[in-house]
Amino acid sequence: MSSLVPPHGGRLLPLLVSDEREGALSEAKSLPQITLDSKEVSDLIMLAMGAFSPLQGFMGREDYQRVVADMRLKVAYSGLFPSPS
C-alpha cells in the first residue's frame, strides 16, 4: 500500500505531450508569444506535471470575469478547487 496521499479527484492528470510533441511544437510556432513571470512559469510547470490535478489549465476569459464579478465560475465543475498561490 502506498504511503502517498491520493491526488485530488482520484488521479493525476499530467498534461505533458509525448507522441504529439513534434505537432505541438510546430503549432506553438504559429501562436502569439507571451512573457511569463516566475510565478506563472511555476504554475505552468505544476499544471504540466499534474500537481494541480484535477485542474487541466488556466481559467478562460469568461470564467475569470465571472469569478471577479460574482466569485463563481461560469460553468460549475465538480471537484474543482482553487490553486495555491
PDB file of N, CA and C in Angstrom:
ATOM      1  N   MET A   1       0.847  -1.194   0.000  1.00  0.00           N
ATOM      2  CA  MET A   1       0.000   0.000   0.000  1.00  0.00           C
ATOM      3  C   MET A   1       0.883   1.244   0.000  1.00  0.00           C
ATOM      4  N   SER A   2       0.552   2.190  -0.832  1.00  0.00           N
ATOM      5  CA  SER A   2       1.345   3.405  -0.951  1.00  0.00           C
ATOM      6  C   SER A   2       1.099   4.321   0.238  1.00  0.00           C
ATOM      7  N   SER A   3       2.160   4.991   0.678  1.00  0.00           N
ATOM      8  CA  SER A   3       2.026   5.953   1.770  1.00  0.00           C
ATOM      9  C   SER A   3       1.756   7.360   1.240  1.00  0.00           C
ATOM     10  N   LEU A   4       1.652   7.491  -0.091  1.00  0.00           N
ATOM     11  CA  LEU A   4       1.366   8.794  -0.687  1.00  0.00           C
ATOM     12  C   LEU A   4      -0.107   9.146  -0.548  1.00  0.00           C
ATOM     13  N   VAL A   5      -0.377  10.407  -0.362  1.00  0.00           N
ATOM     14  CA  VAL A   5      -1.750  10.892  -0.326  1.00  0.00           C
ATOM     15  C   VAL A   5      -2.287  10.853  -1.753  1.00  0.00           C
ATOM     16  N   PRO A   6      -3.495  10.312  -1.957  1.00  0.00           N
ATOM     17  CA  PRO A   6      -4.025  10.270  -3.326  1.00  0.00           C
ATOM     18  C   PRO A   6      -4.283  11.686  -3.852  1.00  0.00           C
ATOM     19  N   PRO A   7      -4.123  11.892  -5.147  1.00  0.00           N
ATOM     20  CA  PRO A   7      -4.366  13.223  -5.714  1.00  0.00           C
ATOM     21  C   PRO A   7      -5.836  13.605  -5.614  1.00  0.00           C
ATOM     22  N   HIS A   8      -6.088  14.904  -5.539  1.00  0.00           N
ATOM     23  CA  HIS A   8      -7.459  15.403  -5.511  1.00  0.00           C
ATOM     24  C   HIS A   8      -8.156  14.959  -6.795  1.00  0.00           C
ATOM     25  N   GLY A   9      -9.326  14.404  -6.675  1.00  0.00           N
ATOM     26  CA  GLY A   9     -10.044  13.910  -7.846  1.00  0.00           C
ATOM     27  C   GLY A   9      -9.738  12.455  -8.149  1.00  0.00           C
ATOM     28  N   GLY A  10      -8.798  11.838  -7.405  1.00  0.00           N
ATOM     29  CA  GLY A  10      -8.544  10.414  -7.530  1.00  0.00           C
ATOM     30  C   GLY A  10      -7.435  10.000  -8.476  1.00  0.00           C
ATOM     31  N   ARG A  11      -7.027  10.884  -9.384  1.00  0.00           N
ATOM     32  CA  ARG A  11      -5.940  10.505 -10.297  1.00  0.00           C
ATOM     33  C   ARG A  11      -5.191  11.747 -10.765  1.00  0.00           C
ATOM     34  N   LEU A  12      -3.911  11.555 -11.060  1.00  0.00           N
ATOM     35  CA  LEU A  12      -3.103  12.647 -11.595  1.00  0.00           C
ATOM     36  C   LEU A  12      -3.471  12.895 -13.048  1.00  0.00           C
ATOM     37  N   LEU A  13      -3.448  14.135 -13.436  1.00  0.00           N
ATOM     38  CA  LEU A  13      -3.722  14.495 -14.827  1.00  0.00           C
ATOM     39  C   LEU A  13      -2.496  15.180 -15.417  1.00  0.00           C
ATOM     40  N   PRO A  14      -1.433  14.412 -15.714  1.00  0.00           N
ATOM     41  CA  PRO A  14      -0.268  15.057 -16.320  1.00  0.00           C
ATOM     42  C   PRO A  14      -0.616  15.588 -17.708  1.00  0.00           C
ATOM     43  N   LEU A  15      -0.161  16.780 -18.001  1.00  0.00           N
ATOM     44  CA  LEU A  15      -0.507  17.435 -19.263  1.00  0.00           C
ATOM     45  C   LEU A  15       0.690  17.541 -20.204  1.00  0.00           C
ATOM     46  N   LEU A  16       1.690  16.698 -19.983  1.00  0.00           N
ATOM     47  CA  LEU A  16       2.868  16.694 -20.847  1.00  0.00           C
ATOM     48  C   LEU A  16       2.546  15.975 -22.145  1.00  0.00           C
ATOM     49  N   VAL A  17       3.132  16.422 -23.229  1.00  0.00           N
ATOM     50  CA  VAL A  17       2.939  15.746 -24.514  1.00  0.00           C
ATOM     51  C   VAL A  17       4.116  14.815 -24.761  1.00  0.00           C
ATOM     52  N   SER A  18       3.860  13.706 -25.396  1.00  0.00           N
ATOM     53  CA  SER A  18       4.956  12.800 -25.747  1.00  0.00           C
ATOM     54  C   SER A  18       4.877  12.488 -27.235  1.00  0.00           C
ATOM     55  N   ASP A  19       3.902  11.674 -27.618  1.00  0.00           N
ATOM     56  CA  ASP A  19       3.760  11.295 -29.024  1.00  0.00           C
ATOM     57  C   ASP A  19       3.443  12.497 -29.912  1.00  0.00           C
ATOM     58  N   GLU A  20       2.740  13.481 -29.356  1.00  0.00           N
ATOM     59  CA  GLU A  20       2.311  14.641 -30.140  1.00  0.00           C
ATOM     60  C   GLU A  20       3.323  15.779 -30.082  1.00  0.00           C
ATOM     61  N   ARG A  21       4.512  15.530 -29.542  1.00  0.00           N
ATOM     62  CA  ARG A  21       5.478  16.598 -29.285  1.00  0.00           C
ATOM     63  C   ARG A  21       5.803  17.416 -30.537  1.00  0.00           C
ATOM     64  N   GLU A  22       6.134  16.754 -31.622  1.00  0.00           N
ATOM     65  CA  GLU A  22       6.518  17.479 -32.842  1.00  0.00           C
ATOM     66  C   GLU A  22       5.369  18.332 -33.369  1.00  0.00           C
ATOM     67  N   GLY A  23       4.161  17.784 -33.359  1.00  0.00           N
ATOM     68  CA  GLY A  23       2.997  18.544 -33.802  1.00  0.00           C
ATOM     69  C   GLY A  23       2.729  19.733 -32.899  1.00  0.00           C
ATOM     70  N   ALA A  24       2.892  19.534 -31.587  1.00  0.00           N
ATOM     71  CA  ALA A  24       2.667  20.617 -30.631  1.00  0.00           C
ATOM     72  C   ALA A  24       3.703  21.724 -30.816  1.00  0.00           C
ATOM     73  N   LEU A  25       4.955  21.346 -31.036  1.00  0.00           N
ATOM     74  CA  LEU A  25       5.997  22.354 -31.265  1.00  0.00           C
ATOM     75  C   LEU A  25       5.739  23.136 -32.545  1.00  0.00           C
ATOM     76  N   SER A  26       5.307  22.442 -33.575  1.00  0.00           N
ATOM     77  CA  SER A  26       5.000  23.098 -34.843  1.00  0.00           C
ATOM     78  C   SER A  26       3.836  24.072 -34.674  1.00  0.00           C
ATOM     79  N   GLU A  27       2.794  23.634 -33.972  1.00  0.00           N
ATOM     80  CA  GLU A  27       1.640  24.507 -33.731  1.00  0.00           C
ATOM     81  C   GLU A  27       2.034  25.708 -32.880  1.00  0.00           C
ATOM     82  N   ALA A  28       2.890  25.492 -31.885  1.00  0.00           N
ATOM     83  CA  ALA A  28       3.298  26.569 -30.979  1.00  0.00           C
ATOM     84  C   ALA A  28       3.993  27.705 -31.724  1.00  0.00           C
ATOM     85  N   LYS A  29       4.693  27.390 -32.802  1.00  0.00           N
ATOM     86  CA  LYS A  29       5.401  28.421 -33.568  1.00  0.00           C
ATOM     87  C   LYS A  29       4.449  29.427 -34.200  1.00  0.00           C
ATOM     88  N   SER A  30       3.194  29.023 -34.425  1.00  0.00           N
ATOM     89  CA  SER A  30       2.230  29.924 -35.057  1.00  0.00           C
ATOM     90  C   SER A  30       1.394  30.703 -34.036  1.00  0.00           C
ATOM     91  N   LEU A  31       1.572  30.421 -32.757  1.00  0.00           N
ATOM     92  CA  LEU A  31       0.793  31.091 -31.716  1.00  0.00           C
ATOM     93  C   LEU A  31       1.484  32.373 -31.264  1.00  0.00           C
ATOM     94  N   PRO A  32       0.710  33.331 -30.735  1.00  0.00           N
ATOM     95  CA  PRO A  32       1.332  34.550 -30.206  1.00  0.00           C
ATOM     96  C   PRO A  32       2.249  34.202 -29.030  1.00  0.00           C
ATOM     97  N   GLN A  33       3.331  34.942 -28.887  1.00  0.00           N
ATOM     98  CA  GLN A  33       4.250  34.735 -27.773  1.00  0.00           C
ATOM     99  C   GLN A  33       3.885  35.668 -26.635  1.00  0.00           C
ATOM    100  N   ILE A  34       4.000  35.162 -25.416  1.00  0.00           N
ATOM    101  CA  ILE A  34       3.775  35.981 -24.226  1.00  0.00           C
ATOM    102  C   ILE A  34       4.957  35.778 -23.283  1.00  0.00           C
ATOM    103  N   THR A  35       5.188  36.756 -22.436  1.00  0.00           N
ATOM    104  CA  THR A  35       6.245  36.661 -21.438  1.00  0.00           C
ATOM    105  C   THR A  35       5.609  36.307 -20.104  1.00  0.00           C
ATOM    106  N   LEU A  36       6.137  35.274 -19.457  1.00  0.00           N
ATOM    107  CA  LEU A  36       5.624  34.837 -18.166  1.00  0.00           C
ATOM    108  C   LEU A  36       6.586  35.253 -17.068  1.00  0.00           C
ATOM    109  N   ASP A  37       6.028  35.647 -15.910  1.00  0.00           N
ATOM    110  CA  ASP A  37       6.895  35.910 -14.767  1.00  0.00           C
ATOM    111  C   ASP A  37       7.187  34.578 -14.065  1.00  0.00           C
ATOM    112  N   SER A  38       8.008  34.600 -13.038  1.00  0.00           N
ATOM    113  CA  SER A  38       8.435  33.349 -12.398  1.00  0.00           C
ATOM    114  C   SER A  38       7.266  32.596 -11.767  1.00  0.00           C
ATOM    115  N   LYS A  39       6.274  33.293 -11.235  1.00  0.00           N
ATOM    116  CA  LYS A  39       5.100  32.641 -10.643  1.00  0.00           C
ATOM    117  C   LYS A  39       4.291  31.932 -11.722  1.00  0.00           C
ATOM    118  N   GLU A  40       4.102  32.590 -12.864  1.00  0.00           N
ATOM    119  CA  GLU A  40       3.352  31.985 -13.967  1.00  0.00           C
ATOM    120  C   GLU A  40       4.080  30.771 -14.535  1.00  0.00           C
ATOM    121  N   VAL A  41       5.395  30.852 -14.636  1.00  0.00           N
ATOM    122  CA  VAL A  41       6.181  29.699 -15.099  1.00  0.00           C
ATOM    123  C   VAL A  41       6.024  28.545 -14.123  1.00  0.00           C
ATOM    124  N   SER A  42       6.090  28.850 -12.832  1.00  0.00           N
ATOM    125  CA  SER A  42       5.918  27.817 -11.803  1.00  0.00           C
ATOM    126  C   SER A  42       4.545  27.164 -11.909  1.00  0.00           C
ATOM    127  N   ASP A  43       3.494  27.970 -12.068  1.00  0.00           N
ATOM    128  CA  ASP A  43       2.140  27.423 -12.217  1.00  0.00           C
ATOM    129  C   ASP A  43       2.034  26.550 -13.462  1.00  0.00           C
ATOM    130  N   LEU A  44       2.643  26.980 -14.552  1.00  0.00           N
ATOM    131  CA  LEU A  44       2.617  26.213 -15.794  1.00  0.00           C
ATOM    132  C   LEU A  44       3.302  24.856 -15.619  1.00  0.00           C
ATOM    133  N   ILE A  45       4.441  24.846 -14.952  1.00  0.00           N
ATOM    134  CA  ILE A  45       5.149  23.588 -14.691  1.00  0.00           C
ATOM    135  C   ILE A  45       4.306  22.675 -13.811  1.00  0.00           C
ATOM    136  N   MET A  46       3.698  23.238 -12.765  1.00  0.00           N
ATOM    137  CA  MET A  46       2.867  22.430 -11.858  1.00  0.00           C
ATOM    138  C   MET A  46       1.656  21.853 -12.594  1.00  0.00           C
ATOM    139  N   LEU A  47       1.029  22.637 -13.467  1.00  0.00           N
ATOM    140  CA  LEU A  47      -0.079  22.120 -14.276  1.00  0.00           C
ATOM    141  C   LEU A  47       0.391  20.977 -15.169  1.00  0.00           C
ATOM    142  N   ALA A  48       1.524  21.187 -15.839  1.00  0.00           N
ATOM    143  CA  ALA A  48       2.026  20.200 -16.799  1.00  0.00           C
ATOM    144  C   ALA A  48       2.357  18.872 -16.147  1.00  0.00           C
ATOM    145  N   MET A  49       2.896  18.896 -14.926  1.00  0.00           N
ATOM    146  CA  MET A  49       3.284  17.644 -14.276  1.00  0.00           C
ATOM    147  C   MET A  49       2.146  17.006 -13.494  1.00  0.00           C
ATOM    148  N   GLY A  50       0.972  17.648 -13.479  1.00  0.00           N
ATOM    149  CA  GLY A  50      -0.188  17.060 -12.821  1.00  0.00           C
ATOM    150  C   GLY A  50      -0.332  17.428 -11.360  1.00  0.00           C
ATOM    151  N   ALA A  51       0.510  18.328 -10.855  1.00  0.00           N
ATOM    152  CA  ALA A  51       0.470  18.683  -9.437  1.00  0.00           C
ATOM    153  C   ALA A  51      -0.805  19.428  -9.046  1.00  0.00           C
ATOM    154  N   PHE A  52      -1.469  20.058  -9.984  1.00  0.00           N
ATOM    155  CA  PHE A  52      -2.719  20.763  -9.701  1.00  0.00           C
ATOM    156  C   PHE A  52      -3.939  19.930 -10.098  1.00  0.00           C
ATOM    157  N   SER A  53      -3.767  18.619 -10.245  1.00  0.00           N
ATOM    158  CA  SER A  53      -4.901  17.748 -10.597  1.00  0.00           C
ATOM    159  C   SER A  53      -6.042  18.020  -9.632  1.00  0.00           C
ATOM    160  N   PRO A  54      -7.265  18.105 -10.089  1.00  0.00           N
ATOM    161  CA  PRO A  54      -7.767  17.771 -11.407  1.00  0.00           C
ATOM    162  C   PRO A  54      -7.812  18.949 -12.381  1.00  0.00           C
ATOM    163  N   LEU A  55      -7.174  20.075 -12.039  1.00  0.00           N
ATOM    164  CA  LEU A  55      -7.166  21.203 -12.974  1.00  0.00           C
ATOM    165  C   LEU A  55      -6.440  20.813 -14.250  1.00  0.00           C
ATOM    166  N   GLN A  56      -6.961  21.282 -15.383  1.00  0.00           N
ATOM    167  CA  GLN A  56      -6.378  20.947 -16.678  1.00  0.00           C
ATOM    168  C   GLN A  56      -5.885  22.179 -17.420  1.00  0.00           C
ATOM    169  N   GLY A  57      -5.867  23.308 -16.761  1.00  0.00           N
ATOM    170  CA  GLY A  57      -5.394  24.522 -17.411  1.00  0.00           C
ATOM    171  C   GLY A  57      -5.836  25.757 -16.647  1.00  0.00           C
ATOM    172  N   PHE A  58      -5.477  26.892 -17.185  1.00  0.00           N
ATOM    173  CA  PHE A  58      -5.862  28.158 -16.577  1.00  0.00           C
ATOM    174  C   PHE A  58      -7.305  28.489 -16.945  1.00  0.00           C
ATOM    175  N   MET A  59      -7.919  29.361 -16.173  1.00  0.00           N
ATOM    176  CA  MET A  59      -9.281  29.799 -16.485  1.00  0.00           C
ATOM    177  C   MET A  59      -9.289  30.567 -17.798  1.00  0.00           C
ATOM    178  N   GLY A  60     -10.359  30.408 -18.541  1.00  0.00           N
ATOM    179  CA  GLY A  60     -10.569  31.217 -19.730  1.00  0.00           C
ATOM    180  C   GLY A  60     -11.095  32.588 -19.331  1.00  0.00           C
ATOM    181  N   ARG A  61     -11.199  33.472 -20.303  1.00  0.00           N
ATOM    182  CA  ARG A  61     -11.638  34.843 -20.037  1.00  0.00           C
ATOM    183  C   ARG A  61     -13.020  34.897 -19.378  1.00  0.00           C
ATOM    184  N   GLU A  62     -13.981  34.102 -19.891  1.00  0.00           N
ATOM    185  CA  GLU A  62     -15.342  34.153 -19.343  1.00  0.00           C
ATOM    186  C   GLU A  62     -15.380  33.703 -17.887  1.00  0.00           C
ATOM    187  N   ASP A  63     -14.684  32.602 -17.567  1.00  0.00           N
ATOM    188  CA  ASP A  63     -14.643  32.155 -16.174  1.00  0.00           C
ATOM    189  C   ASP A  63     -13.960  33.195 -15.292  1.00  0.00           C
ATOM    190  N   TYR A  64     -12.848  33.759 -15.768  1.00  0.00           N
ATOM    191  CA  TYR A  64     -12.130  34.767 -14.997  1.00  0.00           C
ATOM    192  C   TYR A  64     -13.035  35.960 -14.685  1.00  0.00           C
ATOM    193  N   GLN A  65     -13.720  36.478 -15.704  1.00  0.00           N
ATOM    194  CA  GLN A  65     -14.592  37.635 -15.495  1.00  0.00           C
ATOM    195  C   GLN A  65     -15.739  37.301 -14.545  1.00  0.00           C
ATOM    196  N   ARG A  66     -16.262  36.085 -14.638  1.00  0.00           N
ATOM    197  CA  ARG A  66     -17.347  35.679 -13.739  1.00  0.00           C
ATOM    198  C   ARG A  66     -16.846  35.575 -12.304  1.00  0.00           C
ATOM    199  N   VAL A  67     -15.639  35.052 -12.107  1.00  0.00           N
ATOM    200  CA  VAL A  67     -15.078  34.949 -10.756  1.00  0.00           C
ATOM    201  C   VAL A  67     -14.838  36.338 -10.173  1.00  0.00           C
ATOM    202  N   VAL A  68     -14.306  37.253 -10.976  1.00  0.00           N
ATOM    203  CA  VAL A  68     -14.067  38.615 -10.499  1.00  0.00           C
ATOM    204  C   VAL A  68     -15.388  39.282 -10.117  1.00  0.00           C
ATOM    205  N   ALA A  69     -16.410  39.124 -10.942  1.00  0.00           N
ATOM    206  CA  ALA A  69     -17.696  39.794 -10.712  1.00  0.00           C
ATOM    207  C   ALA A  69     -18.545  39.108  -9.646  1.00  0.00           C
ATOM    208  N   ASP A  70     -18.607  37.763  -9.692  1.00  0.00           N
ATOM    209  CA  ASP A  70     -19.575  37.038  -8.859  1.00  0.00           C
ATOM    210  C   ASP A  70     -18.971  35.994  -7.929  1.00  0.00           C
ATOM    211  N   MET A  71     -17.649  35.860  -7.945  1.00  0.00           N
ATOM    212  CA  MET A  71     -16.966  34.854  -7.121  1.00  0.00           C
ATOM    213  C   MET A  71     -17.427  33.429  -7.429  1.00  0.00           C
ATOM    214  N   ARG A  72     -17.752  33.158  -8.688  1.00  0.00           N
ATOM    215  CA  ARG A  72     -18.105  31.799  -9.099  1.00  0.00           C
ATOM    216  C   ARG A  72     -17.753  31.611 -10.566  1.00  0.00           C
ATOM    217  N   LEU A  73     -17.577  30.343 -10.944  1.00  0.00           N
ATOM    218  CA  LEU A  73     -17.250  30.030 -12.327  1.00  0.00           C
ATOM    219  C   LEU A  73     -18.485  30.125 -13.204  1.00  0.00           C
ATOM    220  N   LYS A  74     -18.264  30.393 -14.488  1.00  0.00           N
ATOM    221  CA  LYS A  74     -19.366  30.440 -15.449  1.00  0.00           C
ATOM    222  C   LYS A  74     -20.058  29.084 -15.522  1.00  0.00           C
ATOM    223  N   VAL A  75     -19.263  28.020 -15.557  1.00  0.00           N
ATOM    224  CA  VAL A  75     -19.783  26.656 -15.606  1.00  0.00           C
ATOM    225  C   VAL A  75     -19.367  25.959 -14.325  1.00  0.00           C
ATOM    226  N   ALA A  76     -20.275  25.233 -13.706  1.00  0.00           N
ATOM    227  CA  ALA A  76     -19.953  24.513 -12.472  1.00  0.00           C
ATOM    228  C   ALA A  76     -19.120  23.282 -12.795  1.00  0.00           C
ATOM    229  N   TYR A  77     -17.965  23.168 -12.158  1.00  0.00           N
ATOM    230  CA  TYR A  77     -17.102  21.999 -12.312  1.00  0.00           C
ATOM    231  C   TYR A  77     -17.124  21.235 -10.999  1.00  0.00           C
ATOM    232  N   SER A  78     -17.480  19.966 -11.039  1.00  0.00           N
ATOM    233  CA  SER A  78     -17.472  19.197  -9.804  1.00  0.00           C
ATOM    234  C   SER A  78     -16.036  18.871  -9.436  1.00  0.00           C
ATOM    235  N   GLY A  79     -15.736  19.003  -8.167  1.00  0.00           N
ATOM    236  CA  GLY A  79     -14.410  18.657  -7.687  1.00  0.00           C
ATOM    237  C   GLY A  79     -13.349  19.711  -7.928  1.00  0.00           C
ATOM    238  N   LEU A  80     -13.721  20.889  -8.401  1.00  0.00           N
ATOM    239  CA  LEU A  80     -12.743  21.935  -8.673  1.00  0.00           C
ATOM    240  C   LEU A  80     -12.341  22.611  -7.373  1.00  0.00           C
ATOM    241  N   PHE A  81     -11.100  22.954  -7.256  1.00  0.00           N
ATOM    242  CA  PHE A  81     -10.613  23.648  -6.080  1.00  0.00           C
ATOM    243  C   PHE A  81      -9.665  24.747  -6.518  1.00  0.00           C
ATOM    244  N   PRO A  82      -9.468  25.774  -5.695  1.00  0.00           N
ATOM    245  CA  PRO A  82      -8.565  26.855  -6.087  1.00  0.00           C
ATOM    246  C   PRO A  82      -7.116  26.395  -6.044  1.00  0.00           C
ATOM    247  N   SER A  83      -6.300  26.903  -6.953  1.00  0.00           N
ATOM    248  CA  SER A  83      -4.878  26.558  -6.914  1.00  0.00           C
ATOM    249  C   SER A  83      -4.195  27.404  -5.854  1.00  0.00           C
ATOM    250  N   PRO A  84      -3.206  26.836  -5.177  1.00  0.00           N
ATOM    251  CA  PRO A  84      -2.500  27.607  -4.148  1.00  0.00           C
ATOM    252  C   PRO A  84      -1.714  28.747  -4.777  1.00  0.00           C
ATOM    253  N   SER A  85      -1.618  29.840  -4.069  1.00  0.00           N
ATOM    254  CA  SER A  85      -0.865  30.999  -4.584  1.00  0.00           C
ATOM    255  C   SER A  85       0.460  31.128  -3.893  1.00  0.00           C
TER     256      SER A  85
END
